[in-house]
Amino acid sequence: MFLKIAGVRLSDISPDLEDIIVKTLEVTYSGQYGWKKVGKVLGVNQDNLNYWENLKSMEKPATGQLLETIKATHPEFTIIDLMDTLRSPEVQLPEVALRIHQHLRSARR
């Protein structure tokens, strides 16, 4: 069952899971926002990353902007792809991947 859920495209995740992702990536880790680390690894335009970082009054948090960009540019991107990215040596946020995993496990009950 976990593999079935983990194979879900990012565009099809639940609002609850998206909320968890936003809240965990809006935090700084080693002086850099989690969403910015993910964006860099996924090749998001640096101008966009800088713009999102400097506009704190946006209607949508920077992580929300990042998720929308990923959905538009990588429609095949799955939740397991995000978890793999979070665990990668470039991002090093296994605790966020674990939080997603825990949510997926509890959601299937």
N, C-alpha and C. Protein backbone atom coordinates (compact mmCIF):
# COMPACT_ATOMS: atom_id res chain seq x y z
N MET A 1 0.82 -1.20 0.00
CA MET A 1 0.00 0.00 0.00
C MET A 1 0.86 1.26 0.00
N PHE A 2 1.97 1.28 0.78
CA PHE A 2 2.83 2.46 0.81
C PHE A 2 3.36 2.77 -0.58
N LEU A 3 3.79 1.74 -1.32
CA LEU A 3 4.32 1.97 -2.66
C LEU A 3 3.26 2.59 -3.57
N LYS A 4 2.02 2.17 -3.43
CA LYS A 4 0.95 2.75 -4.22
C LYS A 4 0.78 4.23 -3.89
N ILE A 5 0.77 4.57 -2.61
CA ILE A 5 0.64 5.97 -2.19
C ILE A 5 1.87 6.77 -2.59
N ALA A 6 3.04 6.20 -2.38
CA ALA A 6 4.29 6.91 -2.68
C ALA A 6 4.43 7.19 -4.16
N GLY A 7 3.79 6.38 -5.01
CA GLY A 7 3.86 6.59 -6.45
C GLY A 7 2.92 7.67 -6.95
N VAL A 8 2.19 8.29 -6.04
CA VAL A 8 1.25 9.35 -6.41
C VAL A 8 2.02 10.58 -6.89
N ARG A 9 1.55 11.14 -7.97
CA ARG A 9 2.18 12.36 -8.49
C ARG A 9 1.99 13.50 -7.50
N LEU A 10 2.96 14.39 -7.49
CA LEU A 10 2.91 15.54 -6.59
C LEU A 10 1.63 16.35 -6.82
N SER A 11 1.16 16.39 -8.05
CA SER A 11 -0.05 17.15 -8.37
C SER A 11 -1.30 16.52 -7.77
N ASP A 12 -1.20 15.27 -7.30
CA ASP A 12 -2.37 14.56 -6.77
C ASP A 12 -2.32 14.33 -5.26
N ILE A 13 -1.38 14.97 -4.56
CA ILE A 13 -1.29 14.74 -3.11
C ILE A 13 -2.43 15.45 -2.39
N SER A 14 -2.72 14.97 -1.20
CA SER A 14 -3.81 15.54 -0.41
C SER A 14 -3.42 16.92 0.12
N PRO A 15 -4.42 17.75 0.39
CA PRO A 15 -4.13 19.06 1.00
C PRO A 15 -3.40 18.92 2.34
N ASP A 16 -3.71 17.87 3.10
CA ASP A 16 -3.04 17.66 4.39
C ASP A 16 -1.55 17.42 4.19
N LEU A 17 -1.21 16.59 3.21
CA LEU A 17 0.20 16.30 2.96
C LEU A 17 0.90 17.54 2.41
N GLU A 18 0.25 18.27 1.54
CA GLU A 18 0.86 19.50 1.02
C GLU A 18 1.12 20.48 2.15
N ASP A 19 0.21 20.57 3.10
CA ASP A 19 0.38 21.45 4.25
C ASP A 19 1.60 21.04 5.07
N ILE A 20 1.79 19.75 5.27
CA ILE A 20 2.96 19.25 6.00
C ILE A 20 4.24 19.62 5.27
N ILE A 21 4.24 19.42 3.96
CA ILE A 21 5.43 19.74 3.16
C ILE A 21 5.75 21.23 3.27
N VAL A 22 4.73 22.07 3.13
CA VAL A 22 4.94 23.51 3.23
C VAL A 22 5.50 23.89 4.59
N LYS A 23 4.89 23.39 5.65
CA LYS A 23 5.33 23.76 7.00
C LYS A 23 6.74 23.28 7.31
N THR A 24 7.13 22.13 6.78
CA THR A 24 8.47 21.62 7.10
C THR A 24 9.55 22.22 6.22
N LEU A 25 9.20 22.67 5.02
CA LEU A 25 10.22 23.25 4.15
C LEU A 25 10.33 24.77 4.27
N GLU A 26 9.42 25.40 5.00
CA GLU A 26 9.49 26.85 5.22
C GLU A 26 10.48 27.19 6.33
N VAL A 27 11.11 26.21 6.90
CA VAL A 27 12.06 26.37 8.00
C VAL A 27 13.48 26.40 7.42
N THR A 28 14.37 27.13 8.10
CA THR A 28 15.76 27.13 7.64
C THR A 28 16.51 25.95 8.25
N TYR A 29 17.37 25.36 7.44
CA TYR A 29 18.24 24.25 7.84
C TYR A 29 19.65 24.66 7.44
N SER A 30 20.53 24.75 8.42
CA SER A 30 21.91 25.18 8.16
C SER A 30 21.94 26.50 7.40
N GLY A 31 21.07 27.42 7.80
CA GLY A 31 21.07 28.76 7.22
C GLY A 31 20.36 28.90 5.89
N GLN A 32 19.72 27.85 5.40
CA GLN A 32 19.03 27.93 4.11
C GLN A 32 17.65 27.27 4.22
N TYR A 33 16.68 27.89 3.59
CA TYR A 33 15.33 27.31 3.60
C TYR A 33 15.32 25.95 2.93
N GLY A 34 14.53 25.03 3.49
CA GLY A 34 14.42 23.70 2.91
C GLY A 34 13.91 23.74 1.49
N TRP A 35 12.91 24.59 1.21
CA TRP A 35 12.35 24.67 -0.14
C TRP A 35 13.41 25.14 -1.14
N LYS A 36 14.31 26.00 -0.69
CA LYS A 36 15.33 26.53 -1.60
C LYS A 36 16.35 25.43 -1.95
N LYS A 37 16.69 24.60 -0.96
CA LYS A 37 17.59 23.48 -1.22
C LYS A 37 16.98 22.54 -2.25
N VAL A 38 15.70 22.22 -2.08
CA VAL A 38 15.01 21.32 -3.02
C VAL A 38 14.96 21.97 -4.41
N GLY A 39 14.61 23.24 -4.45
CA GLY A 39 14.53 23.95 -5.73
C GLY A 39 15.84 23.95 -6.49
N LYS A 40 16.94 24.16 -5.79
CA LYS A 40 18.25 24.16 -6.44
C LYS A 40 18.55 22.80 -7.06
N VAL A 41 18.30 21.73 -6.31
CA VAL A 41 18.58 20.38 -6.80
C VAL A 41 17.72 20.06 -8.02
N LEU A 42 16.48 20.56 -8.03
CA LEU A 42 15.57 20.26 -9.13
C LEU A 42 15.72 21.22 -10.31
N GLY A 43 16.68 22.13 -10.20
CA GLY A 43 16.98 23.01 -11.32
C GLY A 43 16.02 24.17 -11.51
N VAL A 44 15.35 24.57 -10.43
CA VAL A 44 14.47 25.73 -10.52
C VAL A 44 15.33 26.97 -10.73
N ASN A 45 14.86 27.85 -11.57
CA ASN A 45 15.57 29.08 -11.92
C ASN A 45 15.96 29.85 -10.65
N GLN A 46 17.22 30.22 -10.55
CA GLN A 46 17.73 30.95 -9.38
C GLN A 46 17.00 32.26 -9.17
N ASP A 47 16.61 32.94 -10.25
CA ASP A 47 15.86 34.19 -10.11
C ASP A 47 14.53 33.95 -9.39
N ASN A 48 13.87 32.84 -9.72
CA ASN A 48 12.61 32.50 -9.02
C ASN A 48 12.87 32.24 -7.54
N LEU A 49 13.91 31.47 -7.25
CA LEU A 49 14.23 31.16 -5.86
C LEU A 49 14.50 32.44 -5.07
N ASN A 50 15.27 33.34 -5.63
CA ASN A 50 15.57 34.61 -4.95
C ASN A 50 14.32 35.46 -4.78
N TYR A 51 13.49 35.50 -5.80
CA TYR A 51 12.24 36.27 -5.76
C TYR A 51 11.33 35.75 -4.64
N TRP A 52 11.15 34.44 -4.58
CA TRP A 52 10.29 33.85 -3.55
C TRP A 52 10.84 34.12 -2.16
N GLU A 53 12.15 34.06 -2.03
CA GLU A 53 12.77 34.28 -0.72
C GLU A 53 12.58 35.71 -0.24
N ASN A 54 12.59 36.65 -1.17
CA ASN A 54 12.51 38.05 -0.79
C ASN A 54 11.09 38.59 -0.71
N LEU A 55 10.11 37.80 -1.08
CA LEU A 55 8.72 38.25 -1.02
C LEU A 55 7.96 37.49 0.06
N LYS A 56 8.16 37.87 1.28
CA LYS A 56 7.55 37.17 2.41
C LYS A 56 6.05 37.43 2.52
N SER A 57 5.52 38.45 1.83
CA SER A 57 4.11 38.78 1.96
C SER A 57 3.25 38.15 0.86
N MET A 58 3.77 37.16 0.16
CA MET A 58 3.01 36.52 -0.90
C MET A 58 1.79 35.80 -0.33
N GLU A 59 0.78 35.65 -1.17
CA GLU A 59 -0.41 34.91 -0.75
C GLU A 59 -0.06 33.46 -0.48
N LYS A 60 0.84 32.91 -1.26
CA LYS A 60 1.24 31.52 -1.13
C LYS A 60 2.68 31.48 -0.63
N PRO A 61 2.98 30.64 0.37
CA PRO A 61 4.37 30.54 0.85
C PRO A 61 5.31 30.10 -0.28
N ALA A 62 6.58 30.36 -0.09
CA ALA A 62 7.58 30.00 -1.10
C ALA A 62 7.52 28.51 -1.43
N THR A 63 7.30 27.67 -0.44
CA THR A 63 7.20 26.24 -0.70
C THR A 63 6.02 25.94 -1.61
N GLY A 64 4.92 26.64 -1.43
CA GLY A 64 3.77 26.49 -2.31
C GLY A 64 4.11 26.88 -3.74
N GLN A 65 4.87 27.96 -3.89
CA GLN A 65 5.32 28.39 -5.22
C GLN A 65 6.21 27.31 -5.84
N LEU A 66 7.11 26.76 -5.03
CA LEU A 66 7.99 25.71 -5.52
C LEU A 66 7.19 24.49 -5.96
N LEU A 67 6.22 24.06 -5.14
CA LEU A 67 5.41 22.90 -5.51
C LEU A 67 4.65 23.13 -6.81
N GLU A 68 4.10 24.33 -6.99
CA GLU A 68 3.41 24.65 -8.23
C GLU A 68 4.35 24.59 -9.43
N THR A 69 5.57 25.08 -9.24
CA THR A 69 6.56 25.05 -10.32
C THR A 69 6.95 23.62 -10.66
N ILE A 70 7.16 22.80 -9.64
CA ILE A 70 7.51 21.38 -9.88
C ILE A 70 6.37 20.69 -10.61
N LYS A 71 5.14 20.92 -10.18
CA LYS A 71 3.99 20.29 -10.83
C LYS A 71 3.90 20.68 -12.30
N ALA A 72 4.21 21.94 -12.60
CA ALA A 72 4.11 22.43 -13.98
C ALA A 72 5.27 21.95 -14.86
N THR A 73 6.46 21.91 -14.28
CA THR A 73 7.64 21.57 -15.08
C THR A 73 8.00 20.09 -15.06
N HIS A 74 7.57 19.38 -14.04
CA HIS A 74 7.85 17.95 -13.90
C HIS A 74 6.54 17.23 -13.54
N PRO A 75 5.58 17.15 -14.46
CA PRO A 75 4.27 16.57 -14.12
C PRO A 75 4.34 15.12 -13.65
N GLU A 76 5.41 14.42 -13.99
CA GLU A 76 5.56 13.02 -13.60
C GLU A 76 6.17 12.86 -12.20
N PHE A 77 6.57 13.96 -11.57
CA PHE A 77 7.25 13.95 -10.27
C PHE A 77 6.32 13.40 -9.20
N THR A 78 6.78 12.39 -8.47
CA THR A 78 5.95 11.73 -7.46
C THR A 78 6.40 12.10 -6.05
N ILE A 79 5.60 11.70 -5.09
CA ILE A 79 5.94 11.95 -3.69
C ILE A 79 7.21 11.19 -3.32
N ILE A 80 7.42 10.02 -3.89
CA ILE A 80 8.66 9.27 -3.61
C ILE A 80 9.86 9.99 -4.22
N ASP A 81 9.67 10.65 -5.37
CA ASP A 81 10.74 11.46 -5.96
C ASP A 81 11.11 12.60 -5.01
N LEU A 82 10.10 13.21 -4.42
CA LEU A 82 10.37 14.29 -3.46
C LEU A 82 11.11 13.76 -2.25
N MET A 83 10.68 12.61 -1.74
CA MET A 83 11.34 12.02 -0.58
C MET A 83 12.80 11.67 -0.91
N ASP A 84 13.04 11.13 -2.09
CA ASP A 84 14.41 10.83 -2.51
C ASP A 84 15.25 12.10 -2.60
N THR A 85 14.65 13.17 -3.11
CA THR A 85 15.35 14.45 -3.21
C THR A 85 15.69 14.98 -1.82
N LEU A 86 14.75 14.86 -0.90
CA LEU A 86 14.98 15.33 0.47
C LEU A 86 16.10 14.56 1.16
N ARG A 87 16.24 13.28 0.81
CA ARG A 87 17.30 12.44 1.42
C ARG A 87 18.63 12.55 0.68
N SER A 88 18.65 13.21 -0.46
CA SER A 88 19.87 13.28 -1.27
C SER A 88 20.99 14.03 -0.54
N PRO A 89 22.25 13.75 -0.93
CA PRO A 89 23.39 14.44 -0.29
C PRO A 89 23.36 15.96 -0.49
N GLU A 90 22.74 16.42 -1.58
CA GLU A 90 22.68 17.86 -1.84
C GLU A 90 21.68 18.57 -0.93
N VAL A 91 20.61 17.89 -0.55
CA VAL A 91 19.57 18.52 0.27
C VAL A 91 19.73 18.17 1.75
N GLN A 92 19.95 16.90 2.04
CA GLN A 92 20.19 16.41 3.40
C GLN A 92 19.08 16.80 4.39
N LEU A 93 17.85 16.45 4.03
CA LEU A 93 16.72 16.68 4.93
C LEU A 93 15.94 15.38 5.13
N PRO A 94 16.62 14.35 5.64
CA PRO A 94 15.93 13.07 5.82
C PRO A 94 14.79 13.15 6.83
N GLU A 95 14.86 14.09 7.77
CA GLU A 95 13.80 14.22 8.76
C GLU A 95 12.49 14.68 8.12
N VAL A 96 12.58 15.47 7.05
CA VAL A 96 11.38 15.90 6.35
C VAL A 96 10.81 14.72 5.55
N ALA A 97 11.69 13.94 4.92
CA ALA A 97 11.24 12.73 4.20
C ALA A 97 10.57 11.77 5.18
N LEU A 98 11.13 11.65 6.37
CA LEU A 98 10.56 10.77 7.39
C LEU A 98 9.17 11.27 7.82
N ARG A 99 9.02 12.56 7.96
CA ARG A 99 7.72 13.14 8.34
C ARG A 99 6.67 12.83 7.27
N ILE A 100 7.04 12.93 6.00
CA ILE A 100 6.14 12.59 4.90
C ILE A 100 5.78 11.11 4.97
N HIS A 101 6.79 10.28 5.17
CA HIS A 101 6.58 8.83 5.27
C HIS A 101 5.61 8.50 6.41
N GLN A 102 5.80 9.15 7.55
CA GLN A 102 4.92 8.90 8.70
C GLN A 102 3.49 9.30 8.39
N HIS A 103 3.33 10.41 7.70
CA HIS A 103 1.98 10.86 7.33
C HIS A 103 1.34 9.85 6.38
N LEU A 104 2.09 9.37 5.39
CA LEU A 104 1.55 8.41 4.44
C LEU A 104 1.13 7.12 5.14
N ARG A 105 1.96 6.67 6.09
CA ARG A 105 1.63 5.45 6.83
C ARG A 105 0.36 5.63 7.67
N SER A 106 0.23 6.77 8.33
CA SER A 106 -0.95 6.99 9.17
C SER A 106 -2.18 7.23 8.31
N ALA A 107 -2.04 7.79 7.13
CA ALA A 107 -3.18 8.06 6.25
C ALA A 107 -3.79 6.79 5.70
N ARG A 108 -3.01 5.76 5.58
CA ARG A 108 -3.52 4.51 4.99
C ARG A 108 -4.30 3.67 6.01
N ARG A 109 -4.26 4.04 7.27
CA ARG A 109 -4.96 3.28 8.32
C ARG A 109 -6.42 3.62 8.36
